[in-house]
Amino acid sequence: MAVAQDTVERSVRNGVPLEYATADGELKIAGFWLFLSTDLLLFACLFSTYAILRTNTVGGPTGAQLFDIPGFTTETFALLTSSFTCGLATHEMRRGNRAALIAWLAVTVLLGLVFIGFELDEFISYATHGAAMQRSAFLSAFFTLVGTHGAHVSLGILWMLTVVYQLAVRGITAVTARKVFIVGLYWHFLDIVWVFIFTVVYLTGVLK
């Protein structure tokens, strides 16, 4: 603990964000940026596939017939708001306020759960009305793209909960600060991907 406290104090004196206070932290953050670039390629492939297959409905329902504007708008509001609360969590971490940091991360998790709840309800509703992913190439591409994003958000929620636990037990250290920063990067990345899904999938679908 003495070593960790010394790292915190030196970071504050030098004006360096705590998550970058050690060489190990810098390296792991750089490595995570590399991971995000590979995940970006994954989503780029899924978007490309969707763009090619979105008109192949084979007589099945189209996006205009399926997509519920209040539903996907609520999903979008919840996820984008969670990006704001995640940013507030990082701000409180930089201030050294553990209670506020944990509180904002908890709000972020709750908003993420709201998003996942609406998405699951959407998927179940489509499937029960005969619009399962095997119905057409359009639906296969839709479920794969949106479902992959949803799986990432679910992983992010679990990841954030483990970080909250570590903060509660260990407090704000160079290690926990790095973990908060990295999970924040991951969460903001998913929000950016959702903006493209909202535009390319839902808005294009209902306006077609």
N, C-alpha and C. Protein backbone atom coordinates (compact mmCIF):
# COMPACT_ATOMS: atom_id res chain seq x y z
N MET A 1 0.83 -1.20 0.00
CA MET A 1 0.00 0.00 0.00
C MET A 1 0.86 1.25 0.00
N ALA A 2 1.99 1.19 0.69
CA ALA A 2 2.89 2.35 0.73
C ALA A 2 3.42 2.66 -0.66
N VAL A 3 3.76 1.60 -1.41
CA VAL A 3 4.26 1.79 -2.78
C VAL A 3 3.18 2.40 -3.66
N ALA A 4 1.94 1.89 -3.52
CA ALA A 4 0.83 2.40 -4.31
C ALA A 4 0.57 3.87 -3.98
N GLN A 5 0.59 4.22 -2.69
CA GLN A 5 0.36 5.60 -2.30
C GLN A 5 1.44 6.52 -2.83
N ASP A 6 2.67 6.02 -2.83
CA ASP A 6 3.77 6.82 -3.36
C ASP A 6 3.59 7.07 -4.85
N THR A 7 3.10 6.06 -5.56
CA THR A 7 2.84 6.21 -6.99
C THR A 7 1.76 7.26 -7.24
N VAL A 8 0.72 7.22 -6.42
CA VAL A 8 -0.36 8.20 -6.55
C VAL A 8 0.16 9.61 -6.32
N GLU A 9 0.94 9.79 -5.26
CA GLU A 9 1.45 11.11 -4.93
C GLU A 9 2.37 11.64 -6.03
N ARG A 10 3.24 10.80 -6.57
CA ARG A 10 4.14 11.23 -7.63
C ARG A 10 3.37 11.58 -8.88
N SER A 11 2.31 10.81 -9.18
CA SER A 11 1.50 11.09 -10.35
C SER A 11 0.83 12.45 -10.22
N VAL A 12 0.31 12.76 -9.05
CA VAL A 12 -0.35 14.04 -8.81
C VAL A 12 0.65 15.18 -8.95
N ARG A 13 1.84 15.01 -8.37
CA ARG A 13 2.85 16.07 -8.43
C ARG A 13 3.30 16.35 -9.86
N ASN A 14 3.41 15.29 -10.67
CA ASN A 14 3.92 15.44 -12.03
C ASN A 14 2.82 15.76 -13.04
N GLY A 15 1.57 15.79 -12.60
CA GLY A 15 0.47 16.09 -13.51
C GLY A 15 0.18 14.98 -14.50
N VAL A 16 0.59 13.76 -14.19
CA VAL A 16 0.37 12.61 -15.07
C VAL A 16 -0.88 11.86 -14.59
N PRO A 17 -1.83 11.55 -15.49
CA PRO A 17 -2.99 10.76 -15.07
C PRO A 17 -2.54 9.47 -14.38
N LEU A 18 -3.23 9.10 -13.31
CA LEU A 18 -2.79 7.97 -12.49
C LEU A 18 -2.66 6.68 -13.29
N GLU A 19 -3.55 6.48 -14.27
CA GLU A 19 -3.50 5.24 -15.04
C GLU A 19 -2.23 5.13 -15.89
N TYR A 20 -1.58 6.28 -16.14
CA TYR A 20 -0.32 6.30 -16.89
C TYR A 20 0.90 6.45 -15.98
N ALA A 21 0.71 6.29 -14.68
CA ALA A 21 1.78 6.58 -13.72
C ALA A 21 2.89 5.54 -13.73
N THR A 22 2.62 4.35 -14.27
CA THR A 22 3.64 3.31 -14.32
C THR A 22 3.86 2.87 -15.76
N ALA A 23 5.04 2.33 -16.03
CA ALA A 23 5.35 1.84 -17.38
C ALA A 23 4.43 0.69 -17.76
N ASP A 24 4.09 -0.14 -16.76
CA ASP A 24 3.19 -1.27 -17.03
C ASP A 24 1.81 -0.77 -17.43
N GLY A 25 1.34 0.29 -16.77
CA GLY A 25 0.04 0.85 -17.11
C GLY A 25 0.03 1.41 -18.52
N GLU A 26 1.07 2.13 -18.89
CA GLU A 26 1.16 2.69 -20.24
C GLU A 26 1.14 1.59 -21.29
N LEU A 27 1.89 0.51 -21.02
CA LEU A 27 1.99 -0.59 -21.98
C LEU A 27 0.64 -1.28 -22.15
N LYS A 28 -0.06 -1.52 -21.05
CA LYS A 28 -1.34 -2.22 -21.14
C LYS A 28 -2.41 -1.36 -21.79
N ILE A 29 -2.37 -0.07 -21.58
CA ILE A 29 -3.32 0.81 -22.26
C ILE A 29 -3.04 0.83 -23.75
N ALA A 30 -1.77 0.89 -24.13
CA ALA A 30 -1.41 0.84 -25.56
C ALA A 30 -1.86 -0.48 -26.18
N GLY A 31 -1.69 -1.56 -25.43
CA GLY A 31 -2.13 -2.87 -25.92
C GLY A 31 -3.64 -2.92 -26.11
N PHE A 32 -4.37 -2.24 -25.23
CA PHE A 32 -5.83 -2.25 -25.36
C PHE A 32 -6.28 -1.45 -26.57
N TRP A 33 -5.58 -0.36 -26.86
CA TRP A 33 -5.89 0.38 -28.10
C TRP A 33 -5.72 -0.53 -29.32
N LEU A 34 -4.70 -1.39 -29.28
CA LEU A 34 -4.48 -2.34 -30.37
C LEU A 34 -5.64 -3.32 -30.47
N PHE A 35 -6.11 -3.80 -29.31
CA PHE A 35 -7.26 -4.70 -29.29
C PHE A 35 -8.49 -4.02 -29.91
N LEU A 36 -8.72 -2.76 -29.55
CA LEU A 36 -9.88 -2.04 -30.09
C LEU A 36 -9.80 -1.92 -31.61
N SER A 37 -8.59 -1.77 -32.13
CA SER A 37 -8.44 -1.67 -33.59
C SER A 37 -8.85 -2.98 -34.26
N THR A 38 -8.55 -4.12 -33.63
CA THR A 38 -8.96 -5.41 -34.20
C THR A 38 -10.47 -5.59 -34.06
N ASP A 39 -11.04 -5.12 -32.96
CA ASP A 39 -12.49 -5.21 -32.79
C ASP A 39 -13.20 -4.31 -33.80
N LEU A 40 -12.58 -3.20 -34.12
CA LEU A 40 -13.13 -2.31 -35.13
C LEU A 40 -13.21 -3.01 -36.49
N LEU A 41 -12.18 -3.81 -36.80
CA LEU A 41 -12.20 -4.57 -38.04
C LEU A 41 -13.34 -5.59 -38.06
N LEU A 42 -13.58 -6.21 -36.90
CA LEU A 42 -14.69 -7.16 -36.80
C LEU A 42 -16.01 -6.48 -37.13
N PHE A 43 -16.27 -5.33 -36.51
CA PHE A 43 -17.52 -4.65 -36.77
C PHE A 43 -17.59 -4.10 -38.20
N ALA A 44 -16.46 -3.70 -38.75
CA ALA A 44 -16.44 -3.23 -40.14
C ALA A 44 -16.90 -4.35 -41.08
N CYS A 45 -16.44 -5.57 -40.81
CA CYS A 45 -16.86 -6.73 -41.63
C CYS A 45 -18.36 -6.98 -41.47
N LEU A 46 -18.87 -6.88 -40.24
CA LEU A 46 -20.30 -7.11 -40.00
C LEU A 46 -21.15 -6.03 -40.66
N PHE A 47 -20.69 -4.78 -40.60
CA PHE A 47 -21.43 -3.70 -41.27
C PHE A 47 -21.44 -3.90 -42.78
N SER A 48 -20.31 -4.32 -43.33
CA SER A 48 -20.23 -4.55 -44.77
C SER A 48 -21.19 -5.67 -45.19
N THR A 49 -21.22 -6.73 -44.39
CA THR A 49 -22.12 -7.85 -44.69
C THR A 49 -23.57 -7.39 -44.64
N TYR A 50 -23.89 -6.62 -43.61
CA TYR A 50 -25.27 -6.13 -43.48
C TYR A 50 -25.65 -5.24 -44.67
N ALA A 51 -24.74 -4.36 -45.07
CA ALA A 51 -25.02 -3.45 -46.20
C ALA A 51 -25.33 -4.23 -47.47
N ILE A 52 -24.66 -5.36 -47.65
CA ILE A 52 -24.88 -6.18 -48.84
C ILE A 52 -26.19 -6.95 -48.77
N LEU A 53 -26.53 -7.44 -47.57
CA LEU A 53 -27.67 -8.35 -47.43
C LEU A 53 -28.97 -7.69 -46.97
N ARG A 54 -28.94 -6.41 -46.65
CA ARG A 54 -30.11 -5.79 -46.01
C ARG A 54 -31.36 -5.76 -46.91
N THR A 55 -31.19 -5.86 -48.20
CA THR A 55 -32.37 -5.87 -49.09
C THR A 55 -32.83 -7.28 -49.44
N ASN A 56 -32.10 -8.27 -49.00
CA ASN A 56 -32.44 -9.66 -49.33
C ASN A 56 -33.41 -10.24 -48.29
N THR A 57 -34.66 -9.86 -48.40
CA THR A 57 -35.66 -10.29 -47.42
C THR A 57 -36.41 -11.55 -47.86
N VAL A 58 -36.32 -11.92 -49.13
CA VAL A 58 -36.96 -13.12 -49.67
C VAL A 58 -38.44 -13.19 -49.28
N GLY A 59 -39.12 -12.07 -49.38
CA GLY A 59 -40.54 -12.06 -49.05
C GLY A 59 -40.83 -11.93 -47.57
N GLY A 60 -39.79 -11.93 -46.75
CA GLY A 60 -39.97 -11.80 -45.31
C GLY A 60 -40.10 -10.34 -44.90
N PRO A 61 -40.25 -10.09 -43.60
CA PRO A 61 -40.42 -8.71 -43.13
C PRO A 61 -39.18 -7.85 -43.37
N THR A 62 -39.41 -6.60 -43.64
CA THR A 62 -38.32 -5.65 -43.84
C THR A 62 -38.07 -4.87 -42.55
N GLY A 63 -37.01 -4.08 -42.56
CA GLY A 63 -36.72 -3.26 -41.39
C GLY A 63 -37.84 -2.28 -41.10
N ALA A 64 -38.42 -1.70 -42.15
CA ALA A 64 -39.51 -0.74 -41.97
C ALA A 64 -40.71 -1.38 -41.28
N GLN A 65 -40.92 -2.69 -41.52
CA GLN A 65 -42.04 -3.39 -40.90
C GLN A 65 -41.73 -3.83 -39.47
N LEU A 66 -40.46 -4.03 -39.18
CA LEU A 66 -40.07 -4.57 -37.88
C LEU A 66 -39.68 -3.51 -36.85
N PHE A 67 -38.86 -2.58 -37.26
CA PHE A 67 -38.22 -1.68 -36.30
C PHE A 67 -39.22 -0.75 -35.62
N ASP A 68 -39.14 -0.73 -34.30
CA ASP A 68 -40.02 0.10 -33.48
C ASP A 68 -39.26 1.36 -33.08
N ILE A 69 -39.69 2.51 -33.59
CA ILE A 69 -38.95 3.75 -33.36
C ILE A 69 -38.80 4.10 -31.88
N PRO A 70 -39.88 4.05 -31.07
CA PRO A 70 -39.69 4.33 -29.63
C PRO A 70 -38.72 3.35 -28.96
N GLY A 71 -38.75 2.10 -29.41
CA GLY A 71 -37.89 1.08 -28.81
C GLY A 71 -36.42 1.34 -29.05
N PHE A 72 -36.03 1.48 -30.32
CA PHE A 72 -34.60 1.67 -30.58
C PHE A 72 -34.13 3.07 -30.18
N THR A 73 -35.06 4.02 -30.11
CA THR A 73 -34.69 5.35 -29.61
C THR A 73 -34.38 5.30 -28.12
N THR A 74 -35.17 4.54 -27.37
CA THR A 74 -34.92 4.36 -25.93
C THR A 74 -33.59 3.65 -25.70
N GLU A 75 -33.33 2.62 -26.49
CA GLU A 75 -32.04 1.92 -26.40
C GLU A 75 -30.89 2.90 -26.60
N THR A 76 -31.02 3.72 -27.63
CA THR A 76 -29.95 4.67 -27.96
C THR A 76 -29.75 5.68 -26.83
N PHE A 77 -30.86 6.20 -26.30
CA PHE A 77 -30.77 7.18 -25.22
C PHE A 77 -30.06 6.57 -24.00
N ALA A 78 -30.43 5.33 -23.66
CA ALA A 78 -29.84 4.67 -22.49
C ALA A 78 -28.34 4.47 -22.68
N LEU A 79 -27.94 4.00 -23.87
CA LEU A 79 -26.53 3.70 -24.07
C LEU A 79 -25.68 4.97 -24.17
N LEU A 80 -26.18 5.99 -24.87
CA LEU A 80 -25.42 7.22 -24.98
C LEU A 80 -25.33 7.95 -23.65
N THR A 81 -26.39 7.87 -22.85
CA THR A 81 -26.33 8.46 -21.51
C THR A 81 -25.31 7.73 -20.65
N SER A 82 -25.22 6.41 -20.83
CA SER A 82 -24.24 5.63 -20.07
C SER A 82 -22.81 6.03 -20.42
N SER A 83 -22.59 6.48 -21.66
CA SER A 83 -21.27 6.95 -22.04
C SER A 83 -20.92 8.22 -21.27
N PHE A 84 -21.92 9.09 -21.06
CA PHE A 84 -21.72 10.31 -20.29
C PHE A 84 -21.40 9.98 -18.84
N THR A 85 -22.17 9.05 -18.24
CA THR A 85 -21.92 8.70 -16.84
C THR A 85 -20.58 8.00 -16.67
N CYS A 86 -20.17 7.24 -17.69
CA CYS A 86 -18.85 6.61 -17.65
C CYS A 86 -17.75 7.67 -17.66
N GLY A 87 -17.96 8.72 -18.44
CA GLY A 87 -17.01 9.83 -18.46
C GLY A 87 -16.95 10.54 -17.12
N LEU A 88 -18.10 10.69 -16.46
CA LEU A 88 -18.12 11.29 -15.13
C LEU A 88 -17.35 10.42 -14.13
N ALA A 89 -17.45 9.11 -14.29
CA ALA A 89 -16.70 8.19 -13.42
C ALA A 89 -15.20 8.42 -13.56
N THR A 90 -14.74 8.55 -14.80
CA THR A 90 -13.31 8.82 -15.03
C THR A 90 -12.90 10.16 -14.42
N HIS A 91 -13.77 11.14 -14.53
CA HIS A 91 -13.50 12.46 -13.94
C HIS A 91 -13.34 12.35 -12.42
N GLU A 92 -14.24 11.60 -11.78
CA GLU A 92 -14.15 11.44 -10.33
C GLU A 92 -12.92 10.64 -9.93
N MET A 93 -12.53 9.69 -10.78
CA MET A 93 -11.30 8.95 -10.51
C MET A 93 -10.10 9.88 -10.49
N ARG A 94 -10.06 10.80 -11.45
CA ARG A 94 -8.95 11.75 -11.52
C ARG A 94 -8.94 12.67 -10.29
N ARG A 95 -10.11 12.90 -9.70
CA ARG A 95 -10.21 13.72 -8.50
C ARG A 95 -9.91 12.93 -7.23
N GLY A 96 -9.81 11.62 -7.37
CA GLY A 96 -9.54 10.77 -6.21
C GLY A 96 -10.76 10.49 -5.35
N ASN A 97 -11.95 10.67 -5.92
CA ASN A 97 -13.19 10.48 -5.18
C ASN A 97 -13.73 9.07 -5.44
N ARG A 98 -13.37 8.13 -4.57
CA ARG A 98 -13.75 6.73 -4.81
C ARG A 98 -15.26 6.52 -4.75
N ALA A 99 -15.94 7.14 -3.79
CA ALA A 99 -17.39 6.93 -3.65
C ALA A 99 -18.13 7.39 -4.90
N ALA A 100 -17.79 8.57 -5.39
CA ALA A 100 -18.46 9.08 -6.60
C ALA A 100 -18.10 8.24 -7.81
N LEU A 101 -16.85 7.79 -7.88
CA LEU A 101 -16.41 6.94 -8.99
C LEU A 101 -17.24 5.67 -9.04
N ILE A 102 -17.39 5.00 -7.91
CA ILE A 102 -18.17 3.77 -7.85
C ILE A 102 -19.64 4.05 -8.18
N ALA A 103 -20.15 5.17 -7.68
CA ALA A 103 -21.56 5.51 -7.93
C ALA A 103 -21.83 5.70 -9.42
N TRP A 104 -20.94 6.43 -10.11
CA TRP A 104 -21.15 6.66 -11.53
C TRP A 104 -20.97 5.40 -12.36
N LEU A 105 -20.05 4.53 -11.93
CA LEU A 105 -19.91 3.25 -12.62
C LEU A 105 -21.16 2.40 -12.43
N ALA A 106 -21.75 2.46 -11.23
CA ALA A 106 -22.99 1.72 -10.96
C ALA A 106 -24.12 2.22 -11.84
N VAL A 107 -24.23 3.55 -12.00
CA VAL A 107 -25.26 4.12 -12.88
C VAL A 107 -25.02 3.67 -14.33
N THR A 108 -23.75 3.63 -14.73
CA THR A 108 -23.41 3.17 -16.08
C THR A 108 -23.85 1.73 -16.29
N VAL A 109 -23.61 0.89 -15.30
CA VAL A 109 -24.03 -0.51 -15.38
C VAL A 109 -25.55 -0.61 -15.49
N LEU A 110 -26.27 0.16 -14.69
CA LEU A 110 -27.73 0.13 -14.73
C LEU A 110 -28.26 0.54 -16.10
N LEU A 111 -27.68 1.58 -16.68
CA LEU A 111 -28.10 2.01 -18.02
C LEU A 111 -27.77 0.95 -19.06
N GLY A 112 -26.63 0.28 -18.88
CA GLY A 112 -26.28 -0.82 -19.78
C GLY A 112 -27.29 -1.96 -19.69
N LEU A 113 -27.76 -2.25 -18.47
CA LEU A 113 -28.76 -3.30 -18.28
C LEU A 113 -30.09 -2.90 -18.93
N VAL A 114 -30.44 -1.62 -18.85
CA VAL A 114 -31.65 -1.14 -19.52
C VAL A 114 -31.54 -1.38 -21.02
N PHE A 115 -30.39 -1.04 -21.57
CA PHE A 115 -30.15 -1.25 -23.00
C PHE A 115 -30.30 -2.72 -23.38
N ILE A 116 -29.65 -3.59 -22.63
CA ILE A 116 -29.71 -5.03 -22.92
C ILE A 116 -31.14 -5.54 -22.77
N GLY A 117 -31.86 -5.05 -21.77
CA GLY A 117 -33.24 -5.47 -21.57
C GLY A 117 -34.11 -5.15 -22.77
N PHE A 118 -33.98 -3.93 -23.30
CA PHE A 118 -34.76 -3.54 -24.48
C PHE A 118 -34.35 -4.35 -25.70
N GLU A 119 -33.06 -4.62 -25.82
CA GLU A 119 -32.59 -5.38 -26.98
C GLU A 119 -33.09 -6.82 -26.94
N LEU A 120 -33.06 -7.44 -25.77
CA LEU A 120 -33.57 -8.81 -25.64
C LEU A 120 -35.06 -8.85 -25.95
N ASP A 121 -35.79 -7.86 -25.44
CA ASP A 121 -37.24 -7.80 -25.71
C ASP A 121 -37.49 -7.66 -27.21
N GLU A 122 -36.66 -6.85 -27.87
CA GLU A 122 -36.78 -6.66 -29.31
C GLU A 122 -36.54 -7.98 -30.05
N PHE A 123 -35.47 -8.67 -29.71
CA PHE A 123 -35.13 -9.93 -30.38
C PHE A 123 -36.22 -10.98 -30.17
N ILE A 124 -36.70 -11.09 -28.94
CA ILE A 124 -37.74 -12.09 -28.64
C ILE A 124 -39.03 -11.77 -29.39
N SER A 125 -39.37 -10.48 -29.45
CA SER A 125 -40.58 -10.06 -30.17
C SER A 125 -40.48 -10.42 -31.65
N TYR A 126 -39.33 -10.17 -32.26
CA TYR A 126 -39.15 -10.51 -33.67
C TYR A 126 -39.28 -12.01 -33.89
N ALA A 127 -38.60 -12.79 -33.04
CA ALA A 127 -38.59 -14.24 -33.21
C ALA A 127 -39.98 -14.84 -33.04
N THR A 128 -40.74 -14.35 -32.06
CA THR A 128 -42.08 -14.89 -31.83
C THR A 128 -43.06 -14.53 -32.95
N HIS A 129 -42.73 -13.52 -33.73
CA HIS A 129 -43.58 -13.13 -34.86
C HIS A 129 -43.03 -13.67 -36.19
N GLY A 130 -42.18 -14.67 -36.11
CA GLY A 130 -41.68 -15.34 -37.31
C GLY A 130 -40.51 -14.66 -37.98
N ALA A 131 -39.90 -13.68 -37.32
CA ALA A 131 -38.77 -12.97 -37.93
C ALA A 131 -37.47 -13.37 -37.24
N ALA A 132 -37.22 -14.69 -37.21
CA ALA A 132 -35.97 -15.20 -36.63
C ALA A 132 -34.85 -15.05 -37.65
N MET A 133 -33.62 -15.26 -37.23
CA MET A 133 -32.48 -14.97 -38.09
C MET A 133 -32.41 -15.89 -39.31
N GLN A 134 -33.02 -17.09 -39.24
CA GLN A 134 -32.98 -17.99 -40.38
C GLN A 134 -34.04 -17.66 -41.44
N ARG A 135 -34.88 -16.66 -41.17
CA ARG A 135 -35.96 -16.31 -42.09
C ARG A 135 -35.45 -15.71 -43.39
N SER A 136 -34.39 -14.90 -43.31
CA SER A 136 -33.86 -14.27 -44.52
C SER A 136 -32.42 -13.85 -44.29
N ALA A 137 -31.74 -13.52 -45.39
CA ALA A 137 -30.36 -13.04 -45.28
C ALA A 137 -30.32 -11.70 -44.53
N PHE A 138 -31.32 -10.86 -44.75
CA PHE A 138 -31.41 -9.59 -44.03
C PHE A 138 -31.45 -9.81 -42.53
N LEU A 139 -32.31 -10.73 -42.08
CA LEU A 139 -32.43 -10.97 -40.65
C LEU A 139 -31.19 -11.65 -40.07
N SER A 140 -30.55 -12.52 -40.86
CA SER A 140 -29.30 -13.14 -40.41
C SER A 140 -28.23 -12.07 -40.16
N ALA A 141 -28.11 -11.14 -41.11
CA ALA A 141 -27.13 -10.07 -40.97
C ALA A 141 -27.48 -9.14 -39.82
N PHE A 142 -28.78 -8.85 -39.66
CA PHE A 142 -29.24 -7.97 -38.59
C PHE A 142 -28.92 -8.57 -37.22
N PHE A 143 -29.35 -9.79 -37.00
CA PHE A 143 -29.14 -10.42 -35.69
C PHE A 143 -27.66 -10.60 -35.39
N THR A 144 -26.88 -10.90 -36.41
CA THR A 144 -25.44 -11.09 -36.19
C THR A 144 -24.76 -9.78 -35.79
N LEU A 145 -25.05 -8.71 -36.51
CA LEU A 145 -24.44 -7.41 -36.22
C LEU A 145 -24.90 -6.86 -34.87
N VAL A 146 -26.20 -6.74 -34.69
CA VAL A 146 -26.73 -6.15 -33.46
C VAL A 146 -26.47 -7.08 -32.27
N GLY A 147 -26.57 -8.39 -32.50
CA GLY A 147 -26.32 -9.35 -31.42
C GLY A 147 -24.87 -9.35 -30.97
N THR A 148 -23.94 -9.18 -31.91
CA THR A 148 -22.52 -9.12 -31.55
C THR A 148 -22.26 -7.89 -30.69
N HIS A 149 -22.86 -6.78 -31.06
CA HIS A 149 -22.72 -5.57 -30.25
C HIS A 149 -23.32 -5.79 -28.86
N GLY A 150 -24.50 -6.41 -28.80
CA GLY A 150 -25.13 -6.68 -27.52
C GLY A 150 -24.29 -7.59 -26.63
N ALA A 151 -23.64 -8.57 -27.25
CA ALA A 151 -22.76 -9.46 -26.49
C ALA A 151 -21.58 -8.68 -25.92
N HIS A 152 -21.06 -7.73 -26.69
CA HIS A 152 -19.97 -6.88 -26.21
C HIS A 152 -20.42 -6.03 -25.03
N VAL A 153 -21.64 -5.48 -25.12
CA VAL A 153 -22.16 -4.67 -24.02
C VAL A 153 -22.33 -5.52 -22.77
N SER A 154 -22.84 -6.74 -22.93
CA SER A 154 -23.02 -7.65 -21.79
C SER A 154 -21.67 -7.94 -21.12
N LEU A 155 -20.65 -8.19 -21.94
CA LEU A 155 -19.31 -8.42 -21.40
C LEU A 155 -18.82 -7.17 -20.67
N GLY A 156 -19.09 -5.98 -21.25
CA GLY A 156 -18.67 -4.74 -20.62
C GLY A 156 -19.31 -4.54 -19.26
N ILE A 157 -20.58 -4.93 -19.12
CA ILE A 157 -21.27 -4.82 -17.84
C ILE A 157 -20.60 -5.70 -16.79
N LEU A 158 -20.33 -6.95 -17.15
CA LEU A 158 -19.67 -7.86 -16.21
C LEU A 158 -18.28 -7.36 -15.85
N TRP A 159 -17.56 -6.87 -16.83
CA TRP A 159 -16.22 -6.33 -16.62
C TRP A 159 -16.27 -5.14 -15.66
N MET A 160 -17.23 -4.25 -15.89
CA MET A 160 -17.34 -3.06 -15.05
C MET A 160 -17.67 -3.43 -13.61
N LEU A 161 -18.48 -4.46 -13.43
CA LEU A 161 -18.82 -4.91 -12.08
C LEU A 161 -17.58 -5.43 -11.34
N THR A 162 -16.70 -6.14 -12.05
CA THR A 162 -15.48 -6.62 -11.41
C THR A 162 -14.57 -5.45 -11.03
N VAL A 163 -14.55 -4.41 -11.87
CA VAL A 163 -13.74 -3.22 -11.55
C VAL A 163 -14.31 -2.51 -10.32
N VAL A 164 -15.64 -2.41 -10.24
CA VAL A 164 -16.27 -1.79 -9.07
C VAL A 164 -15.89 -2.55 -7.80
N TYR A 165 -15.90 -3.86 -7.87
CA TYR A 165 -15.52 -4.68 -6.71
C TYR A 165 -14.08 -4.39 -6.29
N GLN A 166 -13.19 -4.33 -7.27
CA GLN A 166 -11.78 -4.07 -6.95
C GLN A 166 -11.59 -2.66 -6.37
N LEU A 167 -12.35 -1.70 -6.86
CA LEU A 167 -12.28 -0.35 -6.29
C LEU A 167 -12.76 -0.34 -4.85
N ALA A 168 -13.83 -1.09 -4.57
CA ALA A 168 -14.37 -1.14 -3.22
C ALA A 168 -13.38 -1.78 -2.25
N VAL A 169 -12.63 -2.76 -2.74
CA VAL A 169 -11.68 -3.47 -1.87
C VAL A 169 -10.34 -2.77 -1.76
N ARG A 170 -9.81 -2.28 -2.89
CA ARG A 170 -8.45 -1.75 -2.92
C ARG A 170 -8.36 -0.24 -3.00
N GLY A 171 -9.46 0.41 -3.35
CA GLY A 171 -9.42 1.86 -3.51
C GLY A 171 -8.83 2.25 -4.86
N ILE A 172 -8.54 3.54 -5.02
CA ILE A 172 -7.98 4.05 -6.28
C ILE A 172 -6.46 3.96 -6.22
N THR A 173 -5.92 3.05 -7.01
CA THR A 173 -4.47 2.89 -7.13
C THR A 173 -4.10 3.00 -8.60
N ALA A 174 -2.82 2.93 -8.89
CA ALA A 174 -2.39 2.98 -10.29
C ALA A 174 -3.00 1.82 -11.08
N VAL A 175 -3.14 0.66 -10.43
CA VAL A 175 -3.69 -0.52 -11.11
C VAL A 175 -5.19 -0.38 -11.34
N THR A 176 -5.94 -0.02 -10.30
CA THR A 176 -7.39 0.11 -10.46
C THR A 176 -7.74 1.29 -11.36
N ALA A 177 -6.94 2.35 -11.30
CA ALA A 177 -7.18 3.49 -12.20
C ALA A 177 -7.02 3.07 -13.65
N ARG A 178 -5.99 2.27 -13.92
CA ARG A 178 -5.78 1.78 -15.28
C ARG A 178 -6.96 0.92 -15.73
N LYS A 179 -7.48 0.10 -14.83
CA LYS A 179 -8.61 -0.76 -15.18
C LYS A 179 -9.87 0.06 -15.44
N VAL A 180 -10.09 1.09 -14.65
CA VAL A 180 -11.24 1.97 -14.89
C VAL A 180 -11.10 2.66 -16.25
N PHE A 181 -9.91 3.15 -16.54
CA PHE A 181 -9.68 3.85 -17.80
C PHE A 181 -9.89 2.93 -18.99
N ILE A 182 -9.39 1.70 -18.91
CA ILE A 182 -9.51 0.77 -20.03
C ILE A 182 -10.96 0.33 -20.24
N VAL A 183 -11.68 0.03 -19.16
CA VAL A 183 -13.08 -0.38 -19.33
C VAL A 183 -13.89 0.81 -19.85
N GLY A 184 -13.47 2.03 -19.51
CA GLY A 184 -14.12 3.22 -20.05
C GLY A 184 -13.89 3.35 -21.55
N LEU A 185 -12.66 3.10 -21.99
CA LEU A 185 -12.37 3.11 -23.43
C LEU A 185 -13.25 2.10 -24.16
N TYR A 186 -13.36 0.92 -23.60
CA TYR A 186 -14.17 -0.14 -24.19
C TYR A 186 -15.64 0.30 -24.30
N TRP A 187 -16.15 0.91 -23.23
CA TRP A 187 -17.55 1.32 -23.21
C TRP A 187 -17.82 2.43 -24.24
N HIS A 188 -16.91 3.41 -24.31
CA HIS A 188 -17.09 4.49 -25.28
C HIS A 188 -17.02 3.95 -26.72
N PHE A 189 -16.15 2.97 -26.93
CA PHE A 189 -16.05 2.34 -28.25
C PHE A 189 -17.38 1.71 -28.65
N LEU A 190 -18.01 1.01 -27.71
CA LEU A 190 -19.30 0.37 -27.99
C LEU A 190 -20.38 1.41 -28.27
N ASP A 191 -20.31 2.54 -27.59
CA ASP A 191 -21.28 3.61 -27.86
C ASP A 191 -21.10 4.16 -29.27
N ILE A 192 -19.87 4.32 -29.71
CA ILE A 192 -19.61 4.80 -31.07
C ILE A 192 -20.13 3.79 -32.10
N VAL A 193 -19.88 2.51 -31.84
CA VAL A 193 -20.39 1.48 -32.75
C VAL A 193 -21.91 1.53 -32.82
N TRP A 194 -22.55 1.77 -31.66
CA TRP A 194 -24.01 1.82 -31.65
C TRP A 194 -24.54 3.00 -32.47
N VAL A 195 -23.85 4.12 -32.45
CA VAL A 195 -24.27 5.27 -33.25
C VAL A 195 -24.34 4.87 -34.73
N PHE A 196 -23.37 4.07 -35.18
CA PHE A 196 -23.39 3.61 -36.56
C PHE A 196 -24.51 2.59 -36.78
N ILE A 197 -24.76 1.71 -35.79
CA ILE A 197 -25.87 0.77 -35.92
C ILE A 197 -27.20 1.52 -35.98
N PHE A 198 -27.35 2.50 -35.11
CA PHE A 198 -28.56 3.32 -35.08
C PHE A 198 -28.81 3.97 -36.44
N THR A 199 -27.73 4.46 -37.03
CA THR A 199 -27.86 5.16 -38.32
C THR A 199 -28.02 4.21 -39.50
N VAL A 200 -27.10 3.25 -39.60
CA VAL A 200 -27.05 2.36 -40.77
C VAL A 200 -28.19 1.34 -40.75
N VAL A 201 -28.50 0.80 -39.57
CA VAL A 201 -29.51 -0.26 -39.48
C VAL A 201 -30.90 0.32 -39.26
N TYR A 202 -31.09 1.02 -38.15
CA TYR A 202 -32.44 1.42 -37.75
C TYR A 202 -32.98 2.60 -38.55
N LEU A 203 -32.24 3.71 -38.59
CA LEU A 203 -32.75 4.87 -39.31
C LEU A 203 -32.92 4.57 -40.80
N THR A 204 -31.91 3.93 -41.39
CA THR A 204 -32.01 3.57 -42.81
C THR A 204 -33.17 2.61 -43.03
N GLY A 205 -33.38 1.70 -42.07
CA GLY A 205 -34.45 0.73 -42.19
C GLY A 205 -35.83 1.35 -42.17
N VAL A 206 -36.07 2.28 -41.25
CA VAL A 206 -37.42 2.86 -41.14
C VAL A 206 -37.68 3.92 -42.19
N LEU A 207 -36.62 4.52 -42.72
CA LEU A 207 -36.79 5.58 -43.72
C LEU A 207 -36.83 5.05 -45.14
N LYS A 208 -36.55 3.78 -45.30
CA LYS A 208 -36.49 3.19 -46.64
C LYS A 208 -37.85 3.24 -47.31
